[in-house]
C-alpha atoms as a PDB file:
ATOM      1  CA  MET A   1     -34.222 -11.128 -13.874  1.00  0.00           C
ATOM      2  CA  LYS A   2     -32.296  -8.173 -15.294  1.00  0.00           C
ATOM      3  CA  GLU A   3     -32.731  -6.277 -12.024  1.00  0.00           C
ATOM      4  CA  ASN A   4     -31.249  -9.180 -10.061  1.00  0.00           C
ATOM      5  CA  VAL A   5     -28.311  -9.356 -12.471  1.00  0.00           C
ATOM      6  CA  ALA A   6     -27.694  -5.618 -12.045  1.00  0.00           C
ATOM      7  CA  ILE A   7     -27.816  -5.856  -8.228  1.00  0.00           C
ATOM      8  CA  LEU A   8     -25.518  -8.886  -8.174  1.00  0.00           C
ATOM      9  CA  SER A   9     -23.061  -7.199 -10.551  1.00  0.00           C
ATOM     10  CA  ALA A  10     -22.913  -4.102  -8.337  1.00  0.00           C
ATOM     11  CA  LYS A  11     -22.231  -6.252  -5.258  1.00  0.00           C
ATOM     12  CA  ILE A  12     -19.458  -8.152  -7.061  1.00  0.00           C
ATOM     13  CA  ILE A  13     -17.794  -4.871  -8.041  1.00  0.00           C
ATOM     14  CA  GLN A  14     -18.075  -3.388  -4.542  1.00  0.00           C
ATOM     15  CA  ILE A  15     -16.780  -6.495  -2.783  1.00  0.00           C
ATOM     16  CA  GLY A  16     -14.085  -6.918  -5.434  1.00  0.00           C
ATOM     17  CA  LEU A  17     -12.775  -3.398  -4.792  1.00  0.00           C
ATOM     18  CA  VAL A  18     -12.524  -4.139  -1.065  1.00  0.00           C
ATOM     19  CA  ILE A  19     -10.634  -7.376  -1.764  1.00  0.00           C
ATOM     20  CA  ILE A  20      -8.232  -5.595  -4.125  1.00  0.00           C
ATOM     21  CA  ALA A  21      -7.535  -2.918  -1.503  1.00  0.00           C
ATOM     22  CA  PHE A  22      -6.607  -5.617   1.009  1.00  0.00           C
ATOM     23  CA  LEU A  23      -4.682  -8.001  -1.244  1.00  0.00           C
ATOM     24  CA  ILE A  24      -2.451  -5.751  -3.352  1.00  0.00           C
ATOM     25  CA  PRO A  25      -0.065  -4.707  -0.528  1.00  0.00           C
ATOM     26  CA  VAL A  26       0.324  -8.226   0.932  1.00  0.00           C
ATOM     27  CA  PHE A  27       0.012 -10.410  -2.183  1.00  0.00           C
ATOM     28  CA  PHE A  28       3.010 -12.280  -3.587  1.00  0.00           C
ATOM     29  CA  LEU A  29       3.754 -15.659  -5.177  1.00  0.00           C
ATOM     30  CA  PRO A  30       7.022 -17.604  -4.731  1.00  0.00           C
ATOM     31  CA  THR A  31       6.344 -19.539  -7.956  1.00  0.00           C
ATOM     32  CA  THR A  32       7.495 -16.831 -10.395  1.00  0.00           C
ATOM     33  CA  SER A  33      10.958 -15.420 -11.112  1.00  0.00           C
ATOM     34  CA  GLU A  34       9.941 -12.143  -9.457  1.00  0.00           C
ATOM     35  CA  PHE A  35       7.838 -12.783  -6.358  1.00  0.00           C
ATOM     36  CA  TYR A  36       6.347  -9.382  -5.637  1.00  0.00           C
ATOM     37  CA  ASN A  37       5.896  -6.530  -8.137  1.00  0.00           C
ATOM     38  CA  PHE A  38       5.011  -8.746 -11.095  1.00  0.00           C
ATOM     39  CA  ASN A  39       2.363 -10.649  -9.151  1.00  0.00           C
ATOM     40  CA  LYS A  40       0.874  -7.542  -7.546  1.00  0.00           C
ATOM     41  CA  THR A  41       0.597  -5.865 -10.946  1.00  0.00           C
ATOM     42  CA  THR A  42      -0.853  -9.004 -12.545  1.00  0.00           C
ATOM     43  CA  LEU A  43      -3.453  -9.312  -9.775  1.00  0.00           C
ATOM     44  CA  LEU A  44      -4.376  -5.634 -10.105  1.00  0.00           C
ATOM     45  CA  THR A  45      -4.676  -5.848 -13.903  1.00  0.00           C
ATOM     46  CA  VAL A  46      -6.657  -9.095 -14.050  1.00  0.00           C
ATOM     47  CA  ALA A  47      -8.980  -8.087 -11.202  1.00  0.00           C
ATOM     48  CA  SER A  48      -9.615  -4.619 -12.668  1.00  0.00           C
ATOM     49  CA  PHE A  49     -10.474  -5.958 -16.120  1.00  0.00           C
ATOM     50  CA  PHE A  50     -12.707  -8.634 -14.582  1.00  0.00           C
ATOM     51  CA  LEU A  51     -14.624  -6.008 -12.602  1.00  0.00           C
ATOM     52  CA  LEU A  52     -14.794  -3.837 -15.734  1.00  0.00           C
ATOM     53  CA  ALA A  53     -16.404  -6.766 -17.571  1.00  0.00           C
ATOM     54  CA  VAL A  54     -18.881  -7.187 -14.693  1.00  0.00           C
ATOM     55  CA  TRP A  55     -19.674  -3.482 -14.995  1.00  0.00           C
ATOM     56  CA  GLY A  56     -20.413  -4.048 -18.684  1.00  0.00           C
ATOM     57  CA  VAL A  57     -22.845  -6.845 -17.755  1.00  0.00           C
ATOM     58  CA  LYS A  58     -24.479  -4.503 -15.244  1.00  0.00           C
ATOM     59  CA  MET A  59     -24.916  -1.789 -17.908  1.00  0.00           C
ATOM     60  CA  VAL A  60     -26.499  -4.274 -20.313  1.00  0.00           C
ATOM     61  CA  ALA A  61     -28.865  -5.510 -17.602  1.00  0.00           C
ATOM     62  CA  GLU A  62     -29.856  -1.936 -16.700  1.00  0.00           C
ATOM     63  CA  GLY A  63     -30.101  -0.887 -20.337  1.00  0.00           C
ATOM     64  CA  ARG A  64     -28.118   2.309 -19.737  1.00  0.00           C
ATOM     65  CA  VAL A  65     -24.607   3.646 -19.203  1.00  0.00           C
ATOM     66  CA  ARG A  66     -24.247   5.368 -15.848  1.00  0.00           C
ATOM     67  CA  ILE A  67     -20.916   6.844 -14.726  1.00  0.00           C
ATOM     68  CA  THR A  68     -20.444   9.118 -11.740  1.00  0.00           C
ATOM     69  CA  ARG A  69     -18.736  12.303 -12.927  1.00  0.00           C
ATOM     70  CA  THR A  70     -15.713  13.645 -11.029  1.00  0.00           C
ATOM     71  CA  PRO A  71     -13.149  16.400 -11.730  1.00  0.00           C
ATOM     72  CA  LEU A  72     -10.493  13.743 -12.476  1.00  0.00           C
ATOM     73  CA  ASP A  73     -12.413  12.026 -15.281  1.00  0.00           C
ATOM     74  CA  LEU A  74     -11.117  14.116 -18.176  1.00  0.00           C
ATOM     75  CA  PRO A  75      -7.450  14.300 -17.013  1.00  0.00           C
ATOM     76  CA  LEU A  76      -7.362  10.508 -16.543  1.00  0.00           C
ATOM     77  CA  LEU A  77      -8.921   9.837 -19.952  1.00  0.00           C
ATOM     78  CA  ILE A  78      -6.466  12.260 -21.617  1.00  0.00           C
ATOM     79  CA  PHE A  79      -3.584  10.535 -19.810  1.00  0.00           C
ATOM     80  CA  LEU A  80      -4.789   7.100 -20.927  1.00  0.00           C
ATOM     81  CA  GLY A  81      -5.265   8.362 -24.482  1.00  0.00           C
ATOM     82  CA  ALA A  82      -1.709   9.745 -24.526  1.00  0.00           C
ATOM     83  CA  TYR A  83      -0.442   6.412 -23.207  1.00  0.00           C
ATOM     84  CA  ILE A  84      -2.261   4.530 -25.972  1.00  0.00           C
ATOM     85  CA  LEU A  85      -0.818   6.844 -28.653  1.00  0.00           C
ATOM     86  CA  ALA A  86       2.665   6.485 -27.153  1.00  0.00           C
ATOM     87  CA  THR A  87       2.282   2.704 -27.316  1.00  0.00           C
ATOM     88  CA  ILE A  88       1.103   2.746 -30.933  1.00  0.00           C
ATOM     89  CA  PHE A  89       3.973   4.973 -32.103  1.00  0.00           C
ATOM     90  CA  SER A  90       6.548   3.409 -29.793  1.00  0.00           C
ATOM     91  CA  ILE A  91       9.884   2.186 -31.141  1.00  0.00           C
ATOM     92  CA  ASP A  92       9.050  -1.144 -29.516  1.00  0.00           C
ATOM     93  CA  PRO A  93       5.230  -1.491 -29.248  1.00  0.00           C
ATOM     94  CA  ILE A  94       5.483  -5.009 -27.811  1.00  0.00           C
ATOM     95  CA  LEU A  95       7.638  -3.770 -24.950  1.00  0.00           C
ATOM     96  CA  SER A  96       5.208  -0.885 -24.383  1.00  0.00           C
ATOM     97  CA  VAL A  97       2.319  -3.330 -24.114  1.00  0.00           C
ATOM     98  CA  LEU A  98       4.026  -5.969 -21.995  1.00  0.00           C
ATOM     99  CA  GLY A  99       6.314  -3.730 -19.936  1.00  0.00           C
ATOM    100  CA  TRP A 100       9.818  -4.400 -18.677  1.00  0.00           C
ATOM    101  CA  HIS A 101      10.294  -7.954 -17.437  1.00  0.00           C
ATOM    102  CA  PRO A 102       9.766  -8.885 -14.694  1.00  0.00           C
ATOM    103  CA  VAL A 103       8.032  -5.798 -13.267  1.00  0.00           C
ATOM    104  CA  PHE A 104       5.221  -5.366 -15.852  1.00  0.00           C
ATOM    105  CA  PHE A 105       3.919  -2.232 -14.120  1.00  0.00           C
ATOM    106  CA  GLY A 106       3.964   0.777 -16.422  1.00  0.00           C
ATOM    107  CA  SER A 107       2.779  -1.287 -19.378  1.00  0.00           C
ATOM    108  CA  LEU A 108      -0.371  -0.222 -21.211  1.00  0.00           C
ATOM    109  CA  PRO A 109      -2.601  -2.914 -19.588  1.00  0.00           C
ATOM    110  CA  SER A 110      -1.437  -1.988 -16.073  1.00  0.00           C
ATOM    111  CA  VAL A 111      -2.032   1.736 -16.639  1.00  0.00           C
ATOM    112  CA  ALA A 112      -5.438   1.043 -18.203  1.00  0.00           C
ATOM    113  CA  ALA A 113      -6.265  -1.157 -15.193  1.00  0.00           C
ATOM    114  CA  VAL A 114      -5.468   1.650 -12.729  1.00  0.00           C
ATOM    115  CA  VAL A 115      -7.608   4.129 -14.682  1.00  0.00           C
ATOM    116  CA  SER A 116     -10.438   1.588 -14.915  1.00  0.00           C
ATOM    117  CA  LEU A 117     -10.176   0.960 -11.176  1.00  0.00           C
ATOM    118  CA  TYR A 118     -10.714   4.667 -10.516  1.00  0.00           C
ATOM    119  CA  PHE A 119     -13.922   4.770 -12.577  1.00  0.00           C
ATOM    120  CA  LEU A 120     -15.133   1.546 -10.983  1.00  0.00           C
ATOM    121  CA  ALA A 121     -14.599   2.962  -7.509  1.00  0.00           C
ATOM    122  CA  SER A 122     -16.061   6.405  -8.192  1.00  0.00           C
ATOM    123  CA  SER A 123     -19.222   4.895  -9.693  1.00  0.00           C
ATOM    124  CA  HIS A 124     -19.882   2.077  -7.211  1.00  0.00           C
ATOM    125  CA  ILE A 125     -18.453   2.881  -3.787  1.00  0.00           C
ATOM    126  CA  ASN A 126     -20.968   4.191  -1.267  1.00  0.00           C
ATOM    127  CA  SER A 127     -20.308   5.148   2.359  1.00  0.00           C
ATOM    128  CA  THR A 128     -20.574   1.547   3.602  1.00  0.00           C
ATOM    129  CA  TYR A 129     -18.071   0.106   1.139  1.00  0.00           C
ATOM    130  CA  ARG A 130     -15.860   3.172   1.464  1.00  0.00           C
ATOM    131  CA  GLN A 131     -15.434   2.362   5.145  1.00  0.00           C
ATOM    132  CA  ALA A 132     -14.818  -1.283   4.200  1.00  0.00           C
ATOM    133  CA  ILE A 133     -12.018  -0.222   1.851  1.00  0.00           C
ATOM    134  CA  TYR A 134     -10.533   1.966   4.592  1.00  0.00           C
ATOM    135  CA  ALA A 135     -10.621  -1.012   6.956  1.00  0.00           C
ATOM    136  CA  ALA A 136      -9.055  -3.279   4.312  1.00  0.00           C
ATOM    137  CA  LEU A 137      -6.161  -0.878   3.720  1.00  0.00           C
ATOM    138  CA  ALA A 138      -5.577  -0.409   7.468  1.00  0.00           C
ATOM    139  CA  ALA A 139      -5.648  -4.187   8.013  1.00  0.00           C
ATOM    140  CA  SER A 140      -3.282  -4.821   5.105  1.00  0.00           C
ATOM    141  CA  ALA A 141      -0.804  -2.201   6.364  1.00  0.00           C
ATOM    142  CA  SER A 142      -1.002  -3.654   9.877  1.00  0.00           C
ATOM    143  CA  ILE A 143      -0.260  -7.177   8.629  1.00  0.00           C
ATOM    144  CA  LEU A 144       2.791  -5.890   6.775  1.00  0.00           C
ATOM    145  CA  ALA A 145       3.840  -4.015   9.915  1.00  0.00           C
ATOM    146  CA  LEU A 146       3.508  -7.122  12.111  1.00  0.00           C
ATOM    147  CA  VAL A 147       5.541  -9.175   9.634  1.00  0.00           C
ATOM    148  CA  ALA A 148       8.223  -6.466   9.546  1.00  0.00           C
ATOM    149  CA  ILE A 149       8.427  -6.376  13.364  1.00  0.00           C
ATOM    150  CA  VAL A 150       8.690 -10.153  13.693  1.00  0.00           C
ATOM    151  CA  GLN A 151      11.243 -10.372  10.875  1.00  0.00           C
ATOM    152  CA  TYR A 152      13.262  -7.566  12.466  1.00  0.00           C
ATOM    153  CA  PHE A 153      13.743  -9.670  15.587  1.00  0.00           C
ATOM    154  CA  GLY A 154      14.960 -12.614  13.501  1.00  0.00           C
ATOM    155  CA  ILE A 155      11.832 -14.793  13.441  1.00  0.00           C
ATOM    156  CA  SER A 156      11.076 -16.025   9.931  1.00  0.00           C
ATOM    157  CA  ILE A 157       7.295 -16.045   9.403  1.00  0.00           C
ATOM    158  CA  LEU A 158       7.339 -18.609   6.598  1.00  0.00           C
ATOM    159  CA  GLY A 159      10.456 -20.528   7.604  1.00  0.00           C
ATOM    160  CA  THR A 160      11.867 -20.643   4.058  1.00  0.00           C
ATOM    161  CA  SER A 161      15.346 -19.725   2.891  1.00  0.00           C
ATOM    162  CA  TRP A 162      14.134 -16.792   0.781  1.00  0.00           C
ATOM    163  CA  SER A 163      12.128 -15.306   3.680  1.00  0.00           C
ATOM    164  CA  ALA A 164      14.817 -15.778   6.323  1.00  0.00           C
ATOM    165  CA  ALA A 165      16.374 -12.334   5.889  1.00  0.00           C
ATOM    166  CA  ARG A 166      15.388  -9.768   8.494  1.00  0.00           C
ATOM    167  CA  SER A 167      14.587  -7.348   5.673  1.00  0.00           C
ATOM    168  CA  TRP A 168      12.052  -9.671   4.023  1.00  0.00           C
ATOM    169  CA  THR A 169       8.547  -8.312   3.526  1.00  0.00           C
ATOM    170  CA  PRO A 170       5.567  -9.286   1.338  1.00  0.00           C
ATOM    171  CA  ALA A 171       5.561  -5.666   0.132  1.00  0.00           C
ATOM    172  CA  GLY A 172       8.640  -6.393  -2.011  1.00  0.00           C
ATOM    173  CA  ASP A 173      11.363  -4.571  -0.115  1.00  0.00           C
ATOM    174  CA  LEU A 174      11.733  -2.149   2.774  1.00  0.00           C
ATOM    175  CA  ASN A 175      12.103   0.847   0.448  1.00  0.00           C
ATOM    176  CA  LYS A 176       8.513   0.215  -0.686  1.00  0.00           C
ATOM    177  CA  LEU A 177       7.139  -0.759   2.720  1.00  0.00           C
ATOM    178  CA  ALA A 178       8.447   2.301   4.586  1.00  0.00           C
ATOM    179  CA  PRO A 179       6.617   4.944   2.452  1.00  0.00           C
ATOM    180  CA  PHE A 180       3.471   2.800   2.535  1.00  0.00           C
ATOM    181  CA  LEU A 181       3.560   2.704   6.344  1.00  0.00           C
ATOM    182  CA  ALA A 182       4.362   6.432   6.420  1.00  0.00           C
ATOM    183  CA  VAL A 183       1.031   7.121   4.745  1.00  0.00           C
ATOM    184  CA  ALA A 184      -0.793   4.297   6.566  1.00  0.00           C
ATOM    185  CA  VAL A 185      -0.117   5.653  10.073  1.00  0.00           C
ATOM    186  CA  PRO A 186      -1.947   9.022   9.716  1.00  0.00           C
ATOM    187  CA  PHE A 187      -4.488   7.347   7.420  1.00  0.00           C
ATOM    188  CA  THR A 188      -5.372   4.730  10.065  1.00  0.00           C
ATOM    189  CA  ILE A 189      -5.661   7.385  12.784  1.00  0.00           C
ATOM    190  CA  SER A 190      -7.890   9.451  10.491  1.00  0.00           C
ATOM    191  CA  VAL A 191     -10.144   6.451   9.833  1.00  0.00           C
ATOM    192  CA  ALA A 192     -10.597   6.060  13.600  1.00  0.00           C
ATOM    193  CA  PHE A 193     -12.309   9.465  13.679  1.00  0.00           C
ATOM    194  CA  ILE A 194     -15.119   8.103  11.493  1.00  0.00           C
ATOM    195  CA  TYR A 195     -16.341   5.859  14.288  1.00  0.00           C
ATOM    196  CA  ARG A 196     -18.099   7.044  17.412  1.00  0.00           C
ATOM    197  CA  GLN A 197     -17.683   3.755  19.270  1.00  0.00           C
ATOM    198  CA  THR A 198     -14.739   3.980  21.653  1.00  0.00           C
ATOM    199  CA  SER A 199     -13.761   0.334  21.153  1.00  0.00           C
ATOM    200  CA  THR A 200     -13.556   0.676  17.361  1.00  0.00           C
ATOM    201  CA  ARG A 201     -11.574   3.910  17.633  1.00  0.00           C
ATOM    202  CA  TYR A 202      -9.013   2.339  19.948  1.00  0.00           C
ATOM    203  CA  LEU A 203      -8.720  -0.671  17.662  1.00  0.00           C
ATOM    204  CA  TYR A 204      -7.586   1.637  14.870  1.00  0.00           C
ATOM    205  CA  TYR A 205      -5.325   3.487  17.295  1.00  0.00           C
ATOM    206  CA  ALA A 206      -3.713   0.158  18.215  1.00  0.00           C
ATOM    207  CA  LEU A 207      -3.179  -0.645  14.518  1.00  0.00           C
ATOM    208  CA  ALA A 208      -1.549   2.769  14.077  1.00  0.00           C
ATOM    209  CA  VAL A 209       0.853   1.980  16.951  1.00  0.00           C
ATOM    210  CA  ILE A 210       1.859  -1.296  15.277  1.00  0.00           C
ATOM    211  CA  GLN A 211       2.405   0.467  11.958  1.00  0.00           C
ATOM    212  CA  LEU A 212       4.441   3.243  13.552  1.00  0.00           C
ATOM    213  CA  LEU A 213       6.569   0.753  15.478  1.00  0.00           C
ATOM    214  CA  ALA A 214       7.405  -1.122  12.270  1.00  0.00           C
ATOM    215  CA  PHE A 215       8.088   2.155  10.464  1.00  0.00           C
ATOM    216  CA  SER A 216      10.484   3.249  13.217  1.00  0.00           C
ATOM    217  CA  LEU A 217      12.330  -0.092  13.186  1.00  0.00           C
ATOM    218  CA  ILE A 218      12.785   0.106   9.410  1.00  0.00           C
ATOM    219  CA  ASN A 219      14.160   3.620   9.933  1.00  0.00           C
ATOM    220  CA  SER A 220      14.147   4.741   6.304  1.00  0.00           C
ATOM    221  CA  THR A 221      15.312   8.342   6.103  1.00  0.00           C
ATOM    222  CA  LEU A 222      13.471   9.197   2.878  1.00  0.00           C
ATOM    223  CA  ALA A 223      10.220   7.709   4.219  1.00  0.00           C
ATOM    224  CA  TYR A 224      10.042  10.386   6.913  1.00  0.00           C
ATOM    225  CA  ILE A 225       9.136  12.884   4.177  1.00  0.00           C
ATOM    226  CA  PRO A 226       5.806  11.240   3.207  1.00  0.00           C
ATOM    227  CA  LEU A 227       5.108  10.647   6.930  1.00  0.00           C
ATOM    228  CA  LEU A 228       5.546  14.362   7.584  1.00  0.00           C
ATOM    229  CA  VAL A 229       3.431  15.365   4.580  1.00  0.00           C
ATOM    230  CA  ALA A 230       0.668  12.876   5.438  1.00  0.00           C
ATOM    231  CA  GLY A 231       0.775  13.949   9.089  1.00  0.00           C
ATOM    232  CA  LEU A 232       0.440  17.632   8.168  1.00  0.00           C
ATOM    233  CA  PHE A 233      -2.447  16.812   5.846  1.00  0.00           C
ATOM    234  CA  ALA A 234      -4.213  14.972   8.696  1.00  0.00           C
ATOM    235  CA  LEU A 235      -3.560  17.875  11.074  1.00  0.00           C
ATOM    236  CA  LEU A 236      -5.604  20.171   8.838  1.00  0.00           C
ATOM    237  CA  PHE A 237      -8.725  18.363  10.035  1.00  0.00           C
ATOM    238  CA  LEU A 238      -7.812  17.987  13.711  1.00  0.00           C
ATOM    239  CA  PRO A 239      -9.046  21.441  14.876  1.00  0.00           C
ATOM    240  CA  LYS A 240     -12.572  20.380  13.886  1.00  0.00           C
ATOM    241  CA  LEU A 241     -12.419  17.310  16.134  1.00  0.00           C
ATOM    242  CA  LYS A 242     -12.756  16.942  19.865  1.00  0.00           C
ATOM    243  CA  PHE A 243     -10.553  14.492  21.760  1.00  0.00           C
ATOM    244  CA  SER A 244     -11.071  12.954  25.151  1.00  0.00           C
ATOM    245  CA  SER A 245      -8.307  13.068  27.747  1.00  0.00           C
ATOM    246  CA  GLU A 246      -7.664   9.354  27.105  1.00  0.00           C
ATOM    247  CA  GLU A 247      -7.176   9.983  23.385  1.00  0.00           C
ATOM    248  CA  LYS A 248      -4.788  12.853  24.091  1.00  0.00           C
ATOM    249  CA  SER A 249      -2.823  10.516  26.357  1.00  0.00           C
ATOM    250  CA  PHE A 250      -2.758   7.925  23.588  1.00  0.00           C
ATOM    251  CA  PHE A 251      -1.326  10.408  21.091  1.00  0.00           C
ATOM    252  CA  GLY A 252       1.351  11.268  23.626  1.00  0.00           C
ATOM    253  CA  VAL A 253       2.231   7.590  23.996  1.00  0.00           C
ATOM    254  CA  LEU A 254       2.236   7.204  20.207  1.00  0.00           C
ATOM    255  CA  VAL A 255       4.763  10.002  19.773  1.00  0.00           C
ATOM    256  CA  GLY A 256       6.797   8.654  22.699  1.00  0.00           C
ATOM    257  CA  VAL A 257       7.004   5.182  21.146  1.00  0.00           C
ATOM    258  CA  ALA A 258       8.135   6.626  17.819  1.00  0.00           C
ATOM    259  CA  VAL A 259      10.834   8.760  19.456  1.00  0.00           C
ATOM    260  CA  LEU A 260      12.042   5.870  21.649  1.00  0.00           C
ATOM    261  CA  VAL A 261      12.375   3.415  18.769  1.00  0.00           C
ATOM    262  CA  ALA A 262      14.028   6.079  16.606  1.00  0.00           C
ATOM    263  CA  VAL A 263      16.610   6.625  19.355  1.00  0.00           C
ATOM    264  CA  LEU A 264      17.245   2.880  19.711  1.00  0.00           C
ATOM    265  CA  THR A 265      17.713   2.362  15.955  1.00  0.00           C
ATOM    266  CA  ASN A 266      19.892   5.437  15.401  1.00  0.00           C
ATOM    267  CA  ILE A 267      22.082   5.506  18.520  1.00  0.00           C
ATOM    268  CA  SER A 268      24.073   2.279  18.591  1.00  0.00           C
ATOM    269  CA  THR A 269      24.888   2.508  22.304  1.00  0.00           C
ATOM    270  CA  PHE A 270      21.235   2.268  23.323  1.00  0.00           C
ATOM    271  CA  GLY A 271      20.285  -0.053  20.478  1.00  0.00           C
ATOM    272  CA  ASN A 272      23.019  -2.577  21.282  1.00  0.00           C
ATOM    273  CA  ALA A 273      22.016  -2.592  24.934  1.00  0.00           C
ATOM    274  CA  ILE A 274      18.237  -2.985  24.448  1.00  0.00           C
ATOM    275  CA  LEU A 275      17.401  -4.231  20.941  1.00  0.00           C
ATOM    276  CA  LYS A 276      20.417  -6.398  20.107  1.00  0.00           C
ATOM    277  CA  PRO A 277      19.817  -9.069  22.816  1.00  0.00           C
ATOM    278  CA  LEU A 278      16.232  -9.493  21.528  1.00  0.00           C
ATOM    279  CA  ILE A 279      17.291 -10.266  17.947  1.00  0.00           C
ATOM    280  CA  ASN A 280      17.231 -14.015  17.259  1.00  0.00           C
ATOM    281  CA  ASN A 281      19.486 -14.031  14.205  1.00  0.00           C
ATOM    282  CA  GLU A 282      23.152 -14.193  13.237  1.00  0.00           C
ATOM    283  CA  ASP A 283      22.724 -10.675  11.918  1.00  0.00           C
ATOM    284  CA  LYS A 284      22.156  -8.646  15.083  1.00  0.00           C
ATOM    285  CA  ALA A 285      22.558  -5.167  13.611  1.00  0.00           C
ATOM    286  CA  THR A 286      19.996  -2.769  15.036  1.00  0.00           C
ATOM    287  CA  SER A 287      19.690  -1.091  11.625  1.00  0.00           C
ATOM    288  CA  ILE A 288      18.265  -3.375   8.914  1.00  0.00           C
ATOM    289  CA  ALA A 289      20.145  -3.440   5.622  1.00  0.00           C
ATOM    290  CA  LYS A 290      18.005  -1.960   2.840  1.00  0.00           C
ATOM    291  CA  PRO A 291      18.269  -2.405  -0.938  1.00  0.00           C
ATOM    292  CA  ILE A 292      21.037  -0.292  -2.429  1.00  0.00           C
ATOM    293  CA  ARG A 293      19.982   2.080  -5.194  1.00  0.00           C
ATOM    294  CA  LEU A 294      22.621   3.526  -7.498  1.00  0.00           C
ATOM    295  CA  PRO A 295      22.462   7.198  -8.465  1.00  0.00           C
ATOM    296  CA  LEU A 296      21.177   7.725 -11.999  1.00  0.00           C
ATOM    297  CA  SER A 297      24.612   8.834 -13.225  1.00  0.00           C
ATOM    298  CA  ALA A 298      26.264   5.686 -11.864  1.00  0.00           C
ATOM    299  CA  ALA A 299      23.546   3.520 -13.408  1.00  0.00           C
ATOM    300  CA  TRP A 300      24.116   5.102 -16.837  1.00  0.00           C
ATOM    301  CA  GLN A 301      27.887   4.611 -16.547  1.00  0.00           C
ATOM    302  CA  THR A 302      27.411   0.953 -15.614  1.00  0.00           C
ATOM    303  CA  SER A 303      25.035   0.398 -18.522  1.00  0.00           C
ATOM    304  CA  ALA A 304      27.347   2.124 -20.983  1.00  0.00           C
ATOM    305  CA  SER A 305      30.394   0.161 -19.853  1.00  0.00           C
ATOM    306  CA  SER A 306      28.446  -3.105 -20.103  1.00  0.00           C
END
């Protein structure tokens, strides 16, 4: 009986981690005052603590405490300990526990959930579920990319007033989606190298094309930095891999698509001639309006004057 409980608990944790990896980027609820960040953080926190409780049941069933040791264990525990002490001695402990409304991320429960998630993953993820998590993240990024592409051309996915804007995304806003896609593109291509089957590899390549197309249409200047860093990191492993002539052709097409879309979104003459007629919206600008962020100095001056 106890052995069955332990096996079932391990499966729940492993499958739960895959579900979290898929849901967090795309999850939102239009029933709260803040649709995106609050709900993503709440889902992450609740799911992490639930899986932590399942892990406790598994330990009781096994009659032992087993944690896979990694070099990050001690730094993460020290960080969490410092966060707990900062909360206890905070000027406003309630605010430290609950976080700033309506974001909630950065509160003690959300930080503890992230740390717990790391220990859950390091102690329960084997090669099979690691690949499943990779697939979940690639699929989630691709869904966000498809939504961004469709929204860019003025087609509202949900057909509601709050999702009608061309800049709408389940990720929260384009300033969050662009860096996520910047990392997702080289990540998805890297995952393709795990598989020997040609069909599976090209499926991931196709997902990378979709992600890169959405990234190029968003055209966030700051997001090119994480794309460059992630791309250079992936290149470190490329000399050890062998590519077929078809794969080399694909990479050429991938770069060509990125350059073409970048030209269309940055040079108005070409963009107005090719992209503008395809946009089914009153707003036909080839460059999507992104959330405006004030410099820190301006934000302090506004707060002080208020």
